C-alpha cells in the first residue's frame, strides 16, 4: 500500500495483518482524490483540516496531507489501527500535522475546543449503517464547517440514507465499493 499522489507519492504505508481493517484500495483512493481535485467546484486541498473517521491505516488522511492539507485528526476505536496510523505518520515525518484519537466515530460528542473540519473521510465496516450514524454525529456535534466535503465509502449494494443538511455531490461505484461525496449545508 502506498500514497498515490502529492509530495509523498509512492511512499509505502504499513498495512494491517488479518481482516480486522479493510484499507481503501489504491484505485478507489486515486479515483476519489481525482474527483475531489477536479470534480468538486471550488474545492482545494490547500490548507484544509481533515478528519479521517474509522481511519484504519490512515491512508485517506495521509493522502490528503500529501496533496496539501495542513492537518488531519485520525479517529479509530481499535488499538491496532491507531498503532498502524502512528507508524505511518512517523514514517512520513508528519507527527506535527496529525493527531490520533480513540473514539467511537458514531458517537463523537461535541467538538469542544477543536476547530471544525473542512474535509472528512468515512470508511466504516460495510453494511452496518455506521456511515449514516457518523454523519449525524458530525452534524450534531459541530464537527463540520459550513460547506465541508464528506466522503463516505460503503459496499456497492448498500443504500445510504441522506441525512438533513447533507447534499450529494457525487456517487460512484468502484468494484465492490461505492463512494458518496456529500457537502454539508
C-alpha atoms as a PDB file:
ATOM      1  CA  UNK A   1       0.000   0.000   0.000  1.00  0.00           C
ATOM      2  CA  UNK A   2       1.345   3.427  -0.901  1.00  0.00           C
ATOM      3  CA  UNK A   3       0.459   7.102  -1.279  1.00  0.00           C
ATOM      4  CA  UNK A   4      -0.829   7.668  -4.830  1.00  0.00           C
ATOM      5  CA  UNK A   5      -0.291  11.432  -5.237  1.00  0.00           C
ATOM      6  CA  UNK A   6       1.209  14.632  -3.923  1.00  0.00           C
ATOM      7  CA  UNK A   7       4.551  15.265  -2.219  1.00  0.00           C
ATOM      8  CA  UNK A   8       4.645  11.788  -0.647  1.00  0.00           C
ATOM      9  CA  UNK A   9       3.622   9.963  -3.853  1.00  0.00           C
ATOM     10  CA  UNK A  10       4.998   6.438  -3.854  1.00  0.00           C
ATOM     11  CA  UNK A  11       5.727   6.362  -0.110  1.00  0.00           C
ATOM     12  CA  UNK A  12       4.918   2.941   1.315  1.00  0.00           C
ATOM     13  CA  UNK A  13       2.458   2.624   4.174  1.00  0.00           C
ATOM     14  CA  UNK A  14       2.309  -0.188   6.694  1.00  0.00           C
ATOM     15  CA  UNK A  15      -0.733  -2.370   6.027  1.00  0.00           C
ATOM     16  CA  UNK A  16      -2.761  -4.384   8.512  1.00  0.00           C
ATOM     17  CA  UNK A  17      -2.388  -8.092   9.023  1.00  0.00           C
ATOM     18  CA  UNK A  18      -5.635 -10.022   9.007  1.00  0.00           C
ATOM     19  CA  UNK A  19      -9.134  -8.859   8.145  1.00  0.00           C
ATOM     20  CA  UNK A  20      -9.942  -6.530  11.070  1.00  0.00           C
ATOM     21  CA  UNK A  21      -9.059  -3.458   8.973  1.00  0.00           C
ATOM     22  CA  UNK A  22     -10.047  -3.109   5.298  1.00  0.00           C
ATOM     23  CA  UNK A  23      -7.983  -0.346   3.691  1.00  0.00           C
ATOM     24  CA  UNK A  24      -9.462   1.623   0.800  1.00  0.00           C
ATOM     25  CA  UNK A  25      -7.881   0.269  -2.383  1.00  0.00           C
ATOM     26  CA  UNK A  26      -5.305   2.395  -4.201  1.00  0.00           C
ATOM     27  CA  UNK A  27      -7.596   2.522  -7.248  1.00  0.00           C
ATOM     28  CA  UNK A  28     -10.539   3.814  -5.192  1.00  0.00           C
ATOM     29  CA  UNK A  29      -8.338   6.333  -3.358  1.00  0.00           C
ATOM     30  CA  UNK A  30      -6.972   7.634  -6.637  1.00  0.00           C
ATOM     31  CA  UNK A  31     -10.482   7.955  -8.102  1.00  0.00           C
ATOM     32  CA  UNK A  32     -11.797   9.764  -5.002  1.00  0.00           C
ATOM     33  CA  UNK A  33      -8.888  12.197  -4.892  1.00  0.00           C
ATOM     34  CA  UNK A  34      -9.232  12.928  -8.614  1.00  0.00           C
ATOM     35  CA  UNK A  35     -12.946  13.664  -8.115  1.00  0.00           C
ATOM     36  CA  UNK A  36     -12.154  15.957  -5.194  1.00  0.00           C
ATOM     37  CA  UNK A  37      -9.374  17.788  -7.051  1.00  0.00           C
ATOM     38  CA  UNK A  38     -11.093  18.117 -10.415  1.00  0.00           C
ATOM     39  CA  UNK A  39     -14.816  17.413  -9.992  1.00  0.00           C
ATOM     40  CA  UNK A  40     -15.876  19.431  -6.943  1.00  0.00           C
ATOM     41  CA  UNK A  41     -16.185  23.083  -7.895  1.00  0.00           C
ATOM     42  CA  UNK A  42     -14.184  25.387  -5.646  1.00  0.00           C
ATOM     43  CA  UNK A  43     -12.547  22.592  -3.648  1.00  0.00           C
ATOM     44  CA  UNK A  44      -8.811  22.654  -2.916  1.00  0.00           C
ATOM     45  CA  UNK A  45      -6.749  20.532  -0.536  1.00  0.00           C
ATOM     46  CA  UNK A  46      -4.515  23.504   0.294  1.00  0.00           C
ATOM     47  CA  UNK A  47      -4.720  24.308   3.973  1.00  0.00           C
ATOM     48  CA  UNK A  48      -7.715  22.080   4.728  1.00  0.00           C
ATOM     49  CA  UNK A  49      -8.319  20.482   8.103  1.00  0.00           C
ATOM     50  CA  UNK A  50      -9.110  16.806   7.613  1.00  0.00           C
ATOM     51  CA  UNK A  51     -10.955  14.329   9.817  1.00  0.00           C
ATOM     52  CA  UNK A  52     -10.399  10.648   9.000  1.00  0.00           C
ATOM     53  CA  UNK A  53     -13.045   8.542  10.805  1.00  0.00           C
ATOM     54  CA  UNK A  54     -12.783   4.739  11.005  1.00  0.00           C
ATOM     55  CA  UNK A  55      -9.230   5.627   9.962  1.00  0.00           C
ATOM     56  CA  UNK A  56      -7.727   2.111   9.846  1.00  0.00           C
ATOM     57  CA  UNK A  57      -4.272   2.663   8.326  1.00  0.00           C
ATOM     58  CA  UNK A  58      -4.700   6.424   7.968  1.00  0.00           C
ATOM     59  CA  UNK A  59      -4.205   6.179   4.196  1.00  0.00           C
ATOM     60  CA  UNK A  60      -7.015   8.615   3.305  1.00  0.00           C
ATOM     61  CA  UNK A  61      -5.910  11.347   5.702  1.00  0.00           C
ATOM     62  CA  UNK A  62      -2.247  10.866   4.800  1.00  0.00           C
ATOM     63  CA  UNK A  63      -3.122  11.092   1.119  1.00  0.00           C
ATOM     64  CA  UNK A  64      -4.888  14.416   1.809  1.00  0.00           C
ATOM     65  CA  UNK A  65      -1.833  15.773   3.654  1.00  0.00           C
ATOM     66  CA  UNK A  66       0.372  14.648   0.785  1.00  0.00           C
ATOM     67  CA  UNK A  67      -1.813  16.783  -1.510  1.00  0.00           C
ATOM     68  CA  UNK A  68      -1.709  19.957   0.597  1.00  0.00           C
ATOM     69  CA  UNK A  69      -3.972  19.561   3.634  1.00  0.00           C
ATOM     70  CA  UNK A  70      -2.389  21.116   6.717  1.00  0.00           C
ATOM     71  CA  UNK A  71      -3.759  18.876   9.481  1.00  0.00           C
ATOM     72  CA  UNK A  72      -5.517  15.538   9.970  1.00  0.00           C
ATOM     73  CA  UNK A  73      -7.220  14.082  13.016  1.00  0.00           C
ATOM     74  CA  UNK A  74      -7.412  10.294  12.767  1.00  0.00           C
ATOM     75  CA  UNK A  75     -10.177   8.595  14.764  1.00  0.00           C
ATOM     76  CA  UNK A  76     -10.387   4.862  15.322  1.00  0.00           C
ATOM     77  CA  UNK A  77     -11.556   2.838  18.305  1.00  0.00           C
ATOM     78  CA  UNK A  78      -9.215  -0.108  17.601  1.00  0.00           C
ATOM     79  CA  UNK A  79      -5.786  -0.099  19.283  1.00  0.00           C
ATOM     80  CA  UNK A  80      -4.131  -1.990  16.400  1.00  0.00           C
ATOM     81  CA  UNK A  81      -5.397   0.568  13.882  1.00  0.00           C
ATOM     82  CA  UNK A  82      -4.182   3.518  15.978  1.00  0.00           C
ATOM     83  CA  UNK A  83      -0.725   1.909  16.276  1.00  0.00           C
ATOM     84  CA  UNK A  84      -0.636   1.429  12.497  1.00  0.00           C
ATOM     85  CA  UNK A  85      -1.645   5.070  11.918  1.00  0.00           C
ATOM     86  CA  UNK A  86       1.092   6.296  14.278  1.00  0.00           C
ATOM     87  CA  UNK A  87       3.644   4.128  12.466  1.00  0.00           C
ATOM     88  CA  UNK A  88       2.584   5.524   9.068  1.00  0.00           C
ATOM     89  CA  UNK A  89       2.581   9.117  10.367  1.00  0.00           C
ATOM     90  CA  UNK A  90       6.109   8.677  11.770  1.00  0.00           C
ATOM     91  CA  UNK A  91       7.344   7.028   8.552  1.00  0.00           C
ATOM     92  CA  UNK A  92       6.219  10.097   6.581  1.00  0.00           C
ATOM     93  CA  UNK A  93       7.527  12.546   9.201  1.00  0.00           C
ATOM     94  CA  UNK A  94       4.075  14.096   9.727  1.00  0.00           C
ATOM     95  CA  UNK A  95       3.790  13.954  13.514  1.00  0.00           C
ATOM     96  CA  UNK A  96       3.310  17.740  13.824  1.00  0.00           C
ATOM     97  CA  UNK A  97       0.488  17.697  11.265  1.00  0.00           C
ATOM     98  CA  UNK A  98      -1.617  14.968  12.856  1.00  0.00           C
ATOM     99  CA  UNK A  99      -3.359  13.708  15.969  1.00  0.00           C
ATOM    100  CA  UNK A 100      -4.788  10.273  16.682  1.00  0.00           C
ATOM    101  CA  UNK A 101      -7.888   9.857  18.876  1.00  0.00           C
ATOM    102  CA  UNK A 102      -9.531   6.791  20.349  1.00  0.00           C
ATOM    103  CA  UNK A 103     -13.209   7.470  19.922  1.00  0.00           C
ATOM    104  CA  UNK A 104     -16.392   5.900  18.551  1.00  0.00           C
ATOM    105  CA  UNK A 105     -16.975   7.662  15.215  1.00  0.00           C
ATOM    106  CA  UNK A 106     -20.737   7.157  15.557  1.00  0.00           C
ATOM    107  CA  UNK A 107     -20.813   8.976  18.903  1.00  0.00           C
ATOM    108  CA  UNK A 108     -18.242  11.785  18.696  1.00  0.00           C
ATOM    109  CA  UNK A 109     -19.991  14.134  21.094  1.00  0.00           C
ATOM    110  CA  UNK A 110     -19.461  17.920  20.970  1.00  0.00           C
ATOM    111  CA  UNK A 111     -16.316  19.174  19.248  1.00  0.00           C
ATOM    112  CA  UNK A 112     -15.405  21.232  22.341  1.00  0.00           C
ATOM    113  CA  UNK A 113     -12.027  23.003  21.930  1.00  0.00           C
ATOM    114  CA  UNK A 114     -11.178  21.680  18.452  1.00  0.00           C
ATOM    115  CA  UNK A 115     -11.798  23.697  15.288  1.00  0.00           C
ATOM    116  CA  UNK A 116     -14.355  22.248  12.808  1.00  0.00           C
ATOM    117  CA  UNK A 117     -13.150  20.346   9.745  1.00  0.00           C
ATOM    118  CA  UNK A 118     -13.243  21.100   6.008  1.00  0.00           C
ATOM    119  CA  UNK A 119     -12.883  17.530   4.706  1.00  0.00           C
ATOM    120  CA  UNK A 120     -14.000  14.258   6.282  1.00  0.00           C
ATOM    121  CA  UNK A 121     -13.383  10.665   5.231  1.00  0.00           C
ATOM    122  CA  UNK A 122     -15.704   7.919   6.482  1.00  0.00           C
ATOM    123  CA  UNK A 123     -14.669   4.343   5.758  1.00  0.00           C
ATOM    124  CA  UNK A 124     -16.710   2.258   8.230  1.00  0.00           C
ATOM    125  CA  UNK A 125     -17.186  -1.502   8.230  1.00  0.00           C
ATOM    126  CA  UNK A 126     -19.584  -2.209   5.366  1.00  0.00           C
ATOM    127  CA  UNK A 127     -23.290  -2.853   5.693  1.00  0.00           C
ATOM    128  CA  UNK A 128     -23.851  -1.838   9.321  1.00  0.00           C
ATOM    129  CA  UNK A 129     -25.287   1.676   8.920  1.00  0.00           C
ATOM    130  CA  UNK A 130     -22.277   3.181  10.693  1.00  0.00           C
ATOM    131  CA  UNK A 131     -21.677   5.803   7.987  1.00  0.00           C
ATOM    132  CA  UNK A 132     -25.118   7.368   8.481  1.00  0.00           C
ATOM    133  CA  UNK A 133     -24.657   7.356  12.270  1.00  0.00           C
ATOM    134  CA  UNK A 134     -21.260   9.034  11.891  1.00  0.00           C
ATOM    135  CA  UNK A 135     -22.759  11.715   9.605  1.00  0.00           C
ATOM    136  CA  UNK A 136     -25.348  12.538  12.269  1.00  0.00           C
ATOM    137  CA  UNK A 137     -22.655  12.589  14.959  1.00  0.00           C
ATOM    138  CA  UNK A 138     -20.554  15.014  12.877  1.00  0.00           C
ATOM    139  CA  UNK A 139     -23.515  17.308  12.275  1.00  0.00           C
ATOM    140  CA  UNK A 140     -24.905  17.228  15.802  1.00  0.00           C
ATOM    141  CA  UNK A 141     -21.500  17.689  17.477  1.00  0.00           C
ATOM    142  CA  UNK A 142     -20.475  20.742  15.417  1.00  0.00           C
ATOM    143  CA  UNK A 143     -17.521  18.957  13.776  1.00  0.00           C
ATOM    144  CA  UNK A 144     -18.071  20.454  10.289  1.00  0.00           C
ATOM    145  CA  UNK A 145     -17.611  23.892   8.775  1.00  0.00           C
ATOM    146  CA  UNK A 146     -20.397  25.125   6.515  1.00  0.00           C
ATOM    147  CA  UNK A 147     -19.595  23.721   3.063  1.00  0.00           C
ATOM    148  CA  UNK A 148     -17.466  20.826   4.377  1.00  0.00           C
ATOM    149  CA  UNK A 149     -16.922  17.928   2.000  1.00  0.00           C
ATOM    150  CA  UNK A 150     -17.539  14.418   3.325  1.00  0.00           C
ATOM    151  CA  UNK A 151     -16.508  11.232   1.507  1.00  0.00           C
ATOM    152  CA  UNK A 152     -18.301   8.039   2.582  1.00  0.00           C
ATOM    153  CA  UNK A 153     -17.220   4.604   1.368  1.00  0.00           C
ATOM    154  CA  UNK A 154     -19.696   1.728   1.614  1.00  0.00           C
ATOM    155  CA  UNK A 155     -20.328  -1.615  -0.082  1.00  0.00           C
ATOM    156  CA  UNK A 156     -21.779  -1.047  -3.587  1.00  0.00           C
ATOM    157  CA  UNK A 157     -25.167  -2.632  -2.870  1.00  0.00           C
ATOM    158  CA  UNK A 158     -25.951  -0.714   0.344  1.00  0.00           C
ATOM    159  CA  UNK A 159     -28.435   2.148   0.125  1.00  0.00           C
ATOM    160  CA  UNK A 160     -27.134   5.028   2.234  1.00  0.00           C
ATOM    161  CA  UNK A 161     -29.686   7.373   3.775  1.00  0.00           C
ATOM    162  CA  UNK A 162     -29.015  11.066   3.156  1.00  0.00           C
ATOM    163  CA  UNK A 163     -29.412  12.995   6.436  1.00  0.00           C
ATOM    164  CA  UNK A 164     -30.706  16.560   6.577  1.00  0.00           C
ATOM    165  CA  UNK A 165     -28.116  19.229   5.693  1.00  0.00           C
ATOM    166  CA  UNK A 166     -26.056  16.838   3.527  1.00  0.00           C
ATOM    167  CA  UNK A 167     -26.197  17.305  -0.249  1.00  0.00           C
ATOM    168  CA  UNK A 168     -24.914  14.521  -2.501  1.00  0.00           C
ATOM    169  CA  UNK A 169     -22.376  15.945  -4.958  1.00  0.00           C
ATOM    170  CA  UNK A 170     -21.130  12.671  -6.454  1.00  0.00           C
ATOM    171  CA  UNK A 171     -21.844   8.950  -6.140  1.00  0.00           C
ATOM    172  CA  UNK A 172     -19.872   6.241  -7.925  1.00  0.00           C
ATOM    173  CA  UNK A 173     -19.235   2.535  -7.845  1.00  0.00           C
ATOM    174  CA  UNK A 174     -15.666   1.232  -7.598  1.00  0.00           C
ATOM    175  CA  UNK A 175     -15.796  -2.565  -7.941  1.00  0.00           C
ATOM    176  CA  UNK A 176     -17.365  -3.882  -4.721  1.00  0.00           C
ATOM    177  CA  UNK A 177     -17.334  -0.416  -3.129  1.00  0.00           C
ATOM    178  CA  UNK A 178     -19.219   2.819  -3.682  1.00  0.00           C
ATOM    179  CA  UNK A 179     -18.248   6.315  -2.711  1.00  0.00           C
ATOM    180  CA  UNK A 180     -20.670   9.095  -1.928  1.00  0.00           C
ATOM    181  CA  UNK A 181     -19.378  12.659  -1.700  1.00  0.00           C
ATOM    182  CA  UNK A 182     -21.547  14.981   0.386  1.00  0.00           C
ATOM    183  CA  UNK A 183     -21.451  18.707   1.004  1.00  0.00           C
ATOM    184  CA  UNK A 184     -22.585  19.931   4.417  1.00  0.00           C
ATOM    185  CA  UNK A 185     -25.025  22.837   4.112  1.00  0.00           C
END
